[in-house]
């Protein structure tokens, strides 16, 4: 039951993590969605691991249950002597009670005849019956005591065996419960660590950080455009040799090939008197 609950919870957290990964991945809140997704994935793994431990525990319990069936069957076979001793004591107890009642009845009959002054022959006959009843009662007592001794010995051996079996059973069950407890405890510790990590990540990511990350992702560069200076228009000058010089083209300083390699015509204009 607990394993099924943990499996359902793990699937729910995985679904939640998937939803978080689909939430506005291009916006300023995207890093927070990542934090939420990672935390949900970790929680899902924690509960998935607990589910696996619960399934392992269930297998151990089922295996132990099968072993207990074998132990009980074997113990039942070993306790046949004890069962027979119990039955023998019950039978002998019935015989003893019946013999006791018969003996007492014969004694009462003898007392009655003596009090009534019955003929001596009848009294002697009653005395003989009373004596035989007493002997029979004594034999029953002896048998009962012997059977009772055997019963006590068998019961002592059986109860000792039962106690050993129960002690072993309780130790094993306690060990299984400890395993369950440790699994729950480990999962709670892991979940607590995930929650603490999630809380710290949320606290560490401020609004300025979110905006800065978004700006860095969407920026077009960090360099500012260079300033452009005004250059006056220069009239065409006629260099020596009758050749017309070309006017210097308007351009942005620092750009173009001509800033690196002076034009031959410009050089001629510069050298003209």
C-alpha atoms as a PDB file:
ATOM      1  CA  UNK A   1       0.000   0.000   0.000  1.00  0.00           C
ATOM      2  CA  UNK A   2       2.746   2.462   0.972  1.00  0.00           C
ATOM      3  CA  UNK A   3       4.772   1.502  -2.112  1.00  0.00           C
ATOM      4  CA  UNK A   4       1.782   2.284  -4.359  1.00  0.00           C
ATOM      5  CA  UNK A   5       1.342   5.669  -2.663  1.00  0.00           C
ATOM      6  CA  UNK A   6       5.014   6.538  -3.149  1.00  0.00           C
ATOM      7  CA  UNK A   7       4.879   5.475  -6.795  1.00  0.00           C
ATOM      8  CA  UNK A   8       1.843   7.694  -7.400  1.00  0.00           C
ATOM      9  CA  UNK A   9       3.541  10.609  -5.641  1.00  0.00           C
ATOM     10  CA  UNK A  10       6.719  10.116  -7.677  1.00  0.00           C
ATOM     11  CA  UNK A  11       4.754  10.160 -10.939  1.00  0.00           C
ATOM     12  CA  UNK A  12       2.933  13.311  -9.833  1.00  0.00           C
ATOM     13  CA  UNK A  13       6.220  15.084  -9.074  1.00  0.00           C
ATOM     14  CA  UNK A  14       7.643  14.029 -12.446  1.00  0.00           C
ATOM     15  CA  UNK A  15       4.547  15.418 -14.134  1.00  0.00           C
ATOM     16  CA  UNK A  16       4.920  18.646 -12.178  1.00  0.00           C
ATOM     17  CA  UNK A  17       8.574  18.905 -13.232  1.00  0.00           C
ATOM     18  CA  UNK A  18       7.557  18.466 -16.864  1.00  0.00           C
ATOM     19  CA  UNK A  19       4.968  21.218 -16.521  1.00  0.00           C
ATOM     20  CA  UNK A  20       7.611  23.491 -15.006  1.00  0.00           C
ATOM     21  CA  UNK A  21       9.998  22.840 -17.897  1.00  0.00           C
ATOM     22  CA  UNK A  22       7.287  23.994 -20.325  1.00  0.00           C
ATOM     23  CA  UNK A  23       6.582  27.221 -18.464  1.00  0.00           C
ATOM     24  CA  UNK A  24       7.755  30.404 -20.272  1.00  0.00           C
ATOM     25  CA  UNK A  25      11.293  29.223 -21.135  1.00  0.00           C
ATOM     26  CA  UNK A  26      12.002  32.510 -22.956  1.00  0.00           C
ATOM     27  CA  UNK A  27      10.837  34.951 -20.275  1.00  0.00           C
ATOM     28  CA  UNK A  28      12.607  36.620 -17.372  1.00  0.00           C
ATOM     29  CA  UNK A  29      11.186  33.981 -14.972  1.00  0.00           C
ATOM     30  CA  UNK A  30      12.823  31.108 -16.902  1.00  0.00           C
ATOM     31  CA  UNK A  31      15.657  30.531 -14.344  1.00  0.00           C
ATOM     32  CA  UNK A  32      13.072  30.137 -11.575  1.00  0.00           C
ATOM     33  CA  UNK A  33      11.201  27.561 -13.633  1.00  0.00           C
ATOM     34  CA  UNK A  34      14.485  25.668 -13.962  1.00  0.00           C
ATOM     35  CA  UNK A  35      14.952  25.714 -10.182  1.00  0.00           C
ATOM     36  CA  UNK A  36      11.406  24.440  -9.704  1.00  0.00           C
ATOM     37  CA  UNK A  37      11.888  21.721 -12.326  1.00  0.00           C
ATOM     38  CA  UNK A  38      15.154  20.476 -10.803  1.00  0.00           C
ATOM     39  CA  UNK A  39      13.611  20.401  -7.328  1.00  0.00           C
ATOM     40  CA  UNK A  40      10.562  18.483  -8.566  1.00  0.00           C
ATOM     41  CA  UNK A  41      12.767  15.971 -10.374  1.00  0.00           C
ATOM     42  CA  UNK A  42      14.790  15.377  -7.217  1.00  0.00           C
ATOM     43  CA  UNK A  43      11.648  14.910  -5.120  1.00  0.00           C
ATOM     44  CA  UNK A  44      10.324  12.442  -7.679  1.00  0.00           C
ATOM     45  CA  UNK A  45      13.575  10.464  -7.460  1.00  0.00           C
ATOM     46  CA  UNK A  46      13.395  10.458  -3.644  1.00  0.00           C
ATOM     47  CA  UNK A  47       9.909   8.965  -3.620  1.00  0.00           C
ATOM     48  CA  UNK A  48      10.749   6.588  -6.459  1.00  0.00           C
ATOM     49  CA  UNK A  49      13.669   5.266  -4.418  1.00  0.00           C
ATOM     50  CA  UNK A  50      11.391   4.852  -1.396  1.00  0.00           C
ATOM     51  CA  UNK A  51       8.929   2.926  -3.559  1.00  0.00           C
ATOM     52  CA  UNK A  52      11.721   0.557  -4.608  1.00  0.00           C
ATOM     53  CA  UNK A  53      12.737   0.044  -0.992  1.00  0.00           C
ATOM     54  CA  UNK A  54       9.114  -0.662  -0.059  1.00  0.00           C
ATOM     55  CA  UNK A  55       8.845  -3.246  -2.836  1.00  0.00           C
ATOM     56  CA  UNK A  56      12.058  -4.889  -1.630  1.00  0.00           C
ATOM     57  CA  UNK A  57      10.644  -4.930   1.894  1.00  0.00           C
ATOM     58  CA  UNK A  58       7.412  -6.514   0.652  1.00  0.00           C
ATOM     59  CA  UNK A  59       9.410  -9.229  -1.096  1.00  0.00           C
ATOM     60  CA  UNK A  60      11.360  -9.875   2.107  1.00  0.00           C
ATOM     61  CA  UNK A  61       8.128 -10.123   4.106  1.00  0.00           C
ATOM     62  CA  UNK A  62       6.560 -12.521   1.603  1.00  0.00           C
ATOM     63  CA  UNK A  63       9.698 -14.653   1.638  1.00  0.00           C
ATOM     64  CA  UNK A  64       9.700 -14.674   5.421  1.00  0.00           C
ATOM     65  CA  UNK A  65       6.010 -15.630   5.408  1.00  0.00           C
ATOM     66  CA  UNK A  66       6.786 -18.671   3.246  1.00  0.00           C
ATOM     67  CA  UNK A  67       9.566 -19.651   5.639  1.00  0.00           C
ATOM     68  CA  UNK A  68       7.174 -19.337   8.580  1.00  0.00           C
ATOM     69  CA  UNK A  69       4.721 -21.730   6.927  1.00  0.00           C
ATOM     70  CA  UNK A  70       7.479 -24.338   6.646  1.00  0.00           C
ATOM     71  CA  UNK A  71       8.550 -23.784  10.252  1.00  0.00           C
ATOM     72  CA  UNK A  72       4.976 -24.146  11.525  1.00  0.00           C
ATOM     73  CA  UNK A  73       4.469 -27.327   9.516  1.00  0.00           C
ATOM     74  CA  UNK A  74       7.692 -28.816  10.884  1.00  0.00           C
ATOM     75  CA  UNK A  75       6.844 -27.750  14.434  1.00  0.00           C
ATOM     76  CA  UNK A  76       3.410 -29.337  14.171  1.00  0.00           C
ATOM     77  CA  UNK A  77       5.026 -32.638  13.216  1.00  0.00           C
ATOM     78  CA  UNK A  78       7.440 -32.374  16.135  1.00  0.00           C
ATOM     79  CA  UNK A  79       4.599 -31.634  18.573  1.00  0.00           C
ATOM     80  CA  UNK A  80       2.711 -34.895  17.897  1.00  0.00           C
ATOM     81  CA  UNK A  81       4.027 -36.349  21.174  1.00  0.00           C
ATOM     82  CA  UNK A  82       2.737 -33.335  23.087  1.00  0.00           C
ATOM     83  CA  UNK A  83      -0.703 -33.646  21.501  1.00  0.00           C
ATOM     84  CA  UNK A  84      -0.824 -37.316  22.465  1.00  0.00           C
ATOM     85  CA  UNK A  85       0.231 -36.469  26.027  1.00  0.00           C
ATOM     86  CA  UNK A  86      -2.584 -33.910  26.279  1.00  0.00           C
ATOM     87  CA  UNK A  87      -5.138 -36.400  24.993  1.00  0.00           C
ATOM     88  CA  UNK A  88      -3.859 -39.136  27.340  1.00  0.00           C
ATOM     89  CA  UNK A  89      -4.134 -36.805  30.323  1.00  0.00           C
ATOM     90  CA  UNK A  90      -7.692 -35.881  29.371  1.00  0.00           C
ATOM     91  CA  UNK A  91      -8.675 -39.564  29.085  1.00  0.00           C
ATOM     92  CA  UNK A  92      -6.961 -40.509  32.331  1.00  0.00           C
ATOM     93  CA  UNK A  93      -8.569 -37.555  34.099  1.00  0.00           C
ATOM     94  CA  UNK A  94     -11.982 -38.926  33.103  1.00  0.00           C
ATOM     95  CA  UNK A  95     -11.092 -42.413  34.339  1.00  0.00           C
ATOM     96  CA  UNK A  96      -9.803 -40.998  37.606  1.00  0.00           C
ATOM     97  CA  UNK A  97     -12.984 -39.047  38.243  1.00  0.00           C
ATOM     98  CA  UNK A  98     -15.138 -42.072  37.456  1.00  0.00           C
ATOM     99  CA  UNK A  99     -13.041 -44.347  39.694  1.00  0.00           C
ATOM    100  CA  UNK A 100     -13.185 -41.822  42.516  1.00  0.00           C
ATOM    101  CA  UNK A 101     -16.948 -41.571  42.308  1.00  0.00           C
ATOM    102  CA  UNK A 102     -17.239 -45.397  42.290  1.00  0.00           C
ATOM    103  CA  UNK A 103     -14.994 -45.739  45.326  1.00  0.00           C
ATOM    104  CA  UNK A 104     -16.927 -43.094  47.262  1.00  0.00           C
ATOM    105  CA  UNK A 105     -20.208 -44.765  46.347  1.00  0.00           C
ATOM    106  CA  UNK A 106     -18.980 -48.122  47.684  1.00  0.00           C
ATOM    107  CA  UNK A 107     -17.806 -46.476  50.905  1.00  0.00           C
ATOM    108  CA  UNK A 108     -21.183 -44.787  51.400  1.00  0.00           C
ATOM    109  CA  UNK A 109     -22.956 -48.090  50.835  1.00  0.00           C
ATOM    110  CA  UNK A 110     -20.744 -49.788  53.415  1.00  0.00           C
ATOM    111  CA  UNK A 111     -21.423 -47.048  55.971  1.00  0.00           C
ATOM    112  CA  UNK A 112     -25.154 -47.317  55.375  1.00  0.00           C
ATOM    113  CA  UNK A 113     -25.173 -51.075  55.940  1.00  0.00           C
ATOM    114  CA  UNK A 114     -23.189 -50.733  59.135  1.00  0.00           C
ATOM    115  CA  UNK A 115     -25.489 -48.024  60.494  1.00  0.00           C
ATOM    116  CA  UNK A 116     -28.601 -50.010  59.637  1.00  0.00           C
ATOM    117  CA  UNK A 117     -27.212 -53.165  61.291  1.00  0.00           C
ATOM    118  CA  UNK A 118     -27.324 -55.215  58.134  1.00  0.00           C
ATOM    119  CA  UNK A 119     -26.378 -58.889  58.247  1.00  0.00           C
ATOM    120  CA  UNK A 120     -22.670 -59.547  58.557  1.00  0.00           C
ATOM    121  CA  UNK A 121     -22.580 -61.307  55.238  1.00  0.00           C
ATOM    122  CA  UNK A 122     -23.879 -58.222  53.421  1.00  0.00           C
ATOM    123  CA  UNK A 123     -21.447 -56.027  55.320  1.00  0.00           C
ATOM    124  CA  UNK A 124     -18.514 -58.233  54.395  1.00  0.00           C
ATOM    125  CA  UNK A 125     -19.648 -58.249  50.796  1.00  0.00           C
ATOM    126  CA  UNK A 126     -19.830 -54.437  50.817  1.00  0.00           C
ATOM    127  CA  UNK A 127     -16.412 -54.269  52.440  1.00  0.00           C
ATOM    128  CA  UNK A 128     -14.965 -56.402  49.643  1.00  0.00           C
ATOM    129  CA  UNK A 129     -16.494 -54.164  46.993  1.00  0.00           C
ATOM    130  CA  UNK A 130     -15.198 -51.076  48.772  1.00  0.00           C
ATOM    131  CA  UNK A 131     -11.716 -52.578  48.962  1.00  0.00           C
ATOM    132  CA  UNK A 132     -11.684 -53.402  45.239  1.00  0.00           C
ATOM    133  CA  UNK A 133     -12.943 -49.898  44.430  1.00  0.00           C
ATOM    134  CA  UNK A 134     -10.154 -48.444  46.561  1.00  0.00           C
ATOM    135  CA  UNK A 135      -7.550 -50.532  44.756  1.00  0.00           C
ATOM    136  CA  UNK A 136      -8.958 -49.499  41.377  1.00  0.00           C
ATOM    137  CA  UNK A 137      -8.963 -45.873  42.473  1.00  0.00           C
ATOM    138  CA  UNK A 138      -5.329 -46.174  43.599  1.00  0.00           C
ATOM    139  CA  UNK A 139      -4.339 -47.643  40.220  1.00  0.00           C
ATOM    140  CA  UNK A 140      -6.101 -44.767  38.423  1.00  0.00           C
ATOM    141  CA  UNK A 141      -4.273 -42.269  40.611  1.00  0.00           C
ATOM    142  CA  UNK A 142      -0.950 -43.882  39.758  1.00  0.00           C
ATOM    143  CA  UNK A 143      -1.727 -43.845  36.038  1.00  0.00           C
ATOM    144  CA  UNK A 144      -2.936 -40.256  36.225  1.00  0.00           C
ATOM    145  CA  UNK A 145       0.230 -39.136  38.004  1.00  0.00           C
ATOM    146  CA  UNK A 146       2.413 -40.955  35.473  1.00  0.00           C
ATOM    147  CA  UNK A 147       0.509 -39.491  32.521  1.00  0.00           C
ATOM    148  CA  UNK A 148       0.557 -36.107  34.236  1.00  0.00           C
ATOM    149  CA  UNK A 149       4.348 -36.290  34.542  1.00  0.00           C
ATOM    150  CA  UNK A 150       4.693 -37.123  30.852  1.00  0.00           C
ATOM    151  CA  UNK A 151       2.295 -34.309  30.025  1.00  0.00           C
ATOM    152  CA  UNK A 152       4.310 -31.835  32.082  1.00  0.00           C
ATOM    153  CA  UNK A 153       7.565 -32.873  30.419  1.00  0.00           C
ATOM    154  CA  UNK A 154       6.123 -32.671  26.905  1.00  0.00           C
ATOM    155  CA  UNK A 155       4.492 -29.331  27.603  1.00  0.00           C
ATOM    156  CA  UNK A 156       7.725 -27.955  29.041  1.00  0.00           C
ATOM    157  CA  UNK A 157       9.652 -29.014  25.948  1.00  0.00           C
ATOM    158  CA  UNK A 158       6.948 -27.685  23.648  1.00  0.00           C
ATOM    159  CA  UNK A 159       6.605 -24.331  25.378  1.00  0.00           C
ATOM    160  CA  UNK A 160      10.386 -23.902  25.270  1.00  0.00           C
ATOM    161  CA  UNK A 161      10.312 -24.663  21.558  1.00  0.00           C
ATOM    162  CA  UNK A 162       7.404 -22.285  21.027  1.00  0.00           C
ATOM    163  CA  UNK A 163       9.209 -19.532  22.908  1.00  0.00           C
ATOM    164  CA  UNK A 164      12.332 -19.954  20.791  1.00  0.00           C
ATOM    165  CA  UNK A 165      10.249 -19.819  17.616  1.00  0.00           C
ATOM    166  CA  UNK A 166       8.387 -16.721  18.785  1.00  0.00           C
ATOM    167  CA  UNK A 167      11.570 -14.953  19.872  1.00  0.00           C
ATOM    168  CA  UNK A 168      13.116 -15.605  16.463  1.00  0.00           C
ATOM    169  CA  UNK A 169       9.902 -14.457  14.798  1.00  0.00           C
ATOM    170  CA  UNK A 170       9.750 -11.243  16.829  1.00  0.00           C
ATOM    171  CA  UNK A 171      13.412 -10.453  16.147  1.00  0.00           C
ATOM    172  CA  UNK A 172      12.873 -10.911  12.420  1.00  0.00           C
ATOM    173  CA  UNK A 173       9.690  -8.831  12.388  1.00  0.00           C
ATOM    174  CA  UNK A 174      11.394  -6.107  14.384  1.00  0.00           C
ATOM    175  CA  UNK A 175      14.258  -6.119  11.892  1.00  0.00           C
ATOM    176  CA  UNK A 176      11.801  -5.718   9.020  1.00  0.00           C
ATOM    177  CA  UNK A 177      10.076  -2.842  10.801  1.00  0.00           C
ATOM    178  CA  UNK A 178      13.454  -1.207  11.421  1.00  0.00           C
ATOM    179  CA  UNK A 179      14.197  -1.482   7.712  1.00  0.00           C
ATOM    180  CA  UNK A 180      10.892   0.230   6.971  1.00  0.00           C
ATOM    181  CA  UNK A 181      11.615   2.939   9.534  1.00  0.00           C
ATOM    182  CA  UNK A 182      15.111   3.587   8.180  1.00  0.00           C
ATOM    183  CA  UNK A 183      13.798   3.827   4.616  1.00  0.00           C
ATOM    184  CA  UNK A 184      11.197   6.399   5.659  1.00  0.00           C
ATOM    185  CA  UNK A 185      13.777   8.320   7.681  1.00  0.00           C
ATOM    186  CA  UNK A 186      16.297   8.387   4.818  1.00  0.00           C
ATOM    187  CA  UNK A 187      13.638   9.634   2.421  1.00  0.00           C
ATOM    188  CA  UNK A 188      12.540  12.358   4.825  1.00  0.00           C
ATOM    189  CA  UNK A 189      16.158  13.506   5.184  1.00  0.00           C
ATOM    190  CA  UNK A 190      16.599  13.584   1.403  1.00  0.00           C
ATOM    191  CA  UNK A 191      13.315  15.437   0.914  1.00  0.00           C
ATOM    192  CA  UNK A 192      14.367  17.935   3.588  1.00  0.00           C
ATOM    193  CA  UNK A 193      17.666  18.515   1.796  1.00  0.00           C
ATOM    194  CA  UNK A 194      15.870  19.067  -1.509  1.00  0.00           C
ATOM    195  CA  UNK A 195      13.485  21.549   0.112  1.00  0.00           C
ATOM    196  CA  UNK A 196      16.355  23.411   1.759  1.00  0.00           C
ATOM    197  CA  UNK A 197      18.247  23.547  -1.527  1.00  0.00           C
ATOM    198  CA  UNK A 198      15.128  24.802  -3.301  1.00  0.00           C
ATOM    199  CA  UNK A 199      14.574  27.498  -0.684  1.00  0.00           C
ATOM    200  CA  UNK A 200      18.193  28.667  -0.898  1.00  0.00           C
ATOM    201  CA  UNK A 201      18.095  28.776  -4.697  1.00  0.00           C
ATOM    202  CA  UNK A 202      14.921  30.849  -4.626  1.00  0.00           C
ATOM    203  CA  UNK A 203      16.457  33.233  -2.093  1.00  0.00           C
ATOM    204  CA  UNK A 204      19.716  33.544  -4.041  1.00  0.00           C
ATOM    205  CA  UNK A 205      18.051  34.455  -7.330  1.00  0.00           C
ATOM    206  CA  UNK A 206      16.908  38.058  -6.988  1.00  0.00           C
ATOM    207  CA  UNK A 207      14.858  40.151  -9.368  1.00  0.00           C
ATOM    208  CA  UNK A 208      17.990  41.997 -10.526  1.00  0.00           C
ATOM    209  CA  UNK A 209      19.639  38.666 -11.320  1.00  0.00           C
ATOM    210  CA  UNK A 210      16.646  37.528 -13.357  1.00  0.00           C
ATOM    211  CA  UNK A 211      16.589  40.749 -15.377  1.00  0.00           C
ATOM    212  CA  UNK A 212      20.378  40.712 -15.871  1.00  0.00           C
ATOM    213  CA  UNK A 213      20.349  37.119 -17.141  1.00  0.00           C
ATOM    214  CA  UNK A 214      17.516  37.913 -19.499  1.00  0.00           C
ATOM    215  CA  UNK A 215      19.366  40.991 -20.784  1.00  0.00           C
ATOM    216  CA  UNK A 216      22.564  38.985 -21.308  1.00  0.00           C
ATOM    217  CA  UNK A 217      20.695  36.353 -23.297  1.00  0.00           C
ATOM    218  CA  UNK A 218      18.867  38.858 -25.478  1.00  0.00           C
ATOM    219  CA  UNK A 219      21.574  41.552 -25.805  1.00  0.00           C
ATOM    220  CA  UNK A 220      23.144  42.556 -29.161  1.00  0.00           C
ATOM    221  CA  UNK A 221      26.547  43.379 -27.719  1.00  0.00           C
ATOM    222  CA  UNK A 222      28.308  45.447 -25.089  1.00  0.00           C
ATOM    223  CA  UNK A 223      30.220  47.966 -27.288  1.00  0.00           C
ATOM    224  CA  UNK A 224      28.662  51.335 -27.950  1.00  0.00           C
ATOM    225  CA  UNK A 225      28.619  52.837 -31.488  1.00  0.00           C
ATOM    226  CA  UNK A 226      31.656  55.071 -32.186  1.00  0.00           C
ATOM    227  CA  UNK A 227      31.111  58.860 -32.390  1.00  0.00           C
ATOM    228  CA  UNK A 228      31.188  60.413 -35.868  1.00  0.00           C
ATOM    229  CA  UNK A 229      32.909  63.775 -36.420  1.00  0.00           C
ATOM    230  CA  UNK A 230      31.944  66.416 -39.044  1.00  0.00           C
ATOM    231  CA  UNK A 231      34.295  66.744 -42.003  1.00  0.00           C
ATOM    232  CA  UNK A 232      34.134  69.789 -44.315  1.00  0.00           C
ATOM    233  CA  UNK A 233      33.644  69.351 -48.017  1.00  0.00           C
ATOM    234  CA  UNK A 234      36.860  69.935 -49.954  1.00  0.00           C
ATOM    235  CA  UNK A 235      36.832  71.470 -53.468  1.00  0.00           C
ATOM    236  CA  UNK A 236      38.646  69.705 -56.231  1.00  0.00           C
ATOM    237  CA  UNK A 237      42.253  70.789 -56.595  1.00  0.00           C
ATOM    238  CA  UNK A 238      44.281  70.535 -59.809  1.00  0.00           C
ATOM    239  CA  UNK A 239      47.600  68.861 -59.103  1.00  0.00           C
ATOM    240  CA  UNK A 240      50.763  69.357 -61.109  1.00  0.00           C
ATOM    241  CA  UNK A 241      50.727  67.826 -64.531  1.00  0.00           C
ATOM    242  CA  UNK A 242      47.204  68.992 -65.287  1.00  0.00           C
ATOM    243  CA  UNK A 243      45.489  66.056 -63.516  1.00  0.00           C
ATOM    244  CA  UNK A 244      42.441  66.693 -61.387  1.00  0.00           C
ATOM    245  CA  UNK A 245      42.535  65.407 -57.889  1.00  0.00           C
ATOM    246  CA  UNK A 246      39.630  63.450 -56.480  1.00  0.00           C
ATOM    247  CA  UNK A 247      37.710  64.882 -53.584  1.00  0.00           C
ATOM    248  CA  UNK A 248      38.182  63.063 -50.333  1.00  0.00           C
ATOM    249  CA  UNK A 249      35.149  60.865 -49.679  1.00  0.00           C
ATOM    250  CA  UNK A 250      33.071  61.288 -46.544  1.00  0.00           C
ATOM    251  CA  UNK A 251      33.627  58.369 -44.210  1.00  0.00           C
ATOM    252  CA  UNK A 252      33.437  57.377 -40.559  1.00  0.00           C
ATOM    253  CA  UNK A 253      36.815  57.516 -38.840  1.00  0.00           C
ATOM    254  CA  UNK A 254      38.242  54.102 -38.134  1.00  0.00           C
ATOM    255  CA  UNK A 255      36.297  52.393 -40.925  1.00  0.00           C
ATOM    256  CA  UNK A 256      37.385  51.564 -44.450  1.00  0.00           C
ATOM    257  CA  UNK A 257      40.595  50.617 -46.082  1.00  0.00           C
ATOM    258  CA  UNK A 258      41.688  54.166 -46.844  1.00  0.00           C
ATOM    259  CA  UNK A 259      42.366  54.960 -43.210  1.00  0.00           C
ATOM    260  CA  UNK A 260      45.033  52.315 -43.268  1.00  0.00           C
ATOM    261  CA  UNK A 261      46.452  52.970 -46.780  1.00  0.00           C
ATOM    262  CA  UNK A 262      46.554  56.682 -47.897  1.00  0.00           C
ATOM    263  CA  UNK A 263      45.247  57.349 -51.400  1.00  0.00           C
ATOM    264  CA  UNK A 264      47.879  58.267 -53.989  1.00  0.00           C
ATOM    265  CA  UNK A 265      45.813  61.221 -55.139  1.00  0.00           C
ATOM    266  CA  UNK A 266      45.530  62.501 -51.585  1.00  0.00           C
ATOM    267  CA  UNK A 267      49.287  62.266 -51.285  1.00  0.00           C
ATOM    268  CA  UNK A 268      49.688  64.279 -54.455  1.00  0.00           C
ATOM    269  CA  UNK A 269      47.358  66.976 -53.146  1.00  0.00           C
ATOM    270  CA  UNK A 270      49.256  67.155 -49.927  1.00  0.00           C
ATOM    271  CA  UNK A 271      52.589  67.544 -51.728  1.00  0.00           C
ATOM    272  CA  UNK A 272      51.319  70.227 -54.144  1.00  0.00           C
ATOM    273  CA  UNK A 273      52.777  73.737 -53.496  1.00  0.00           C
END
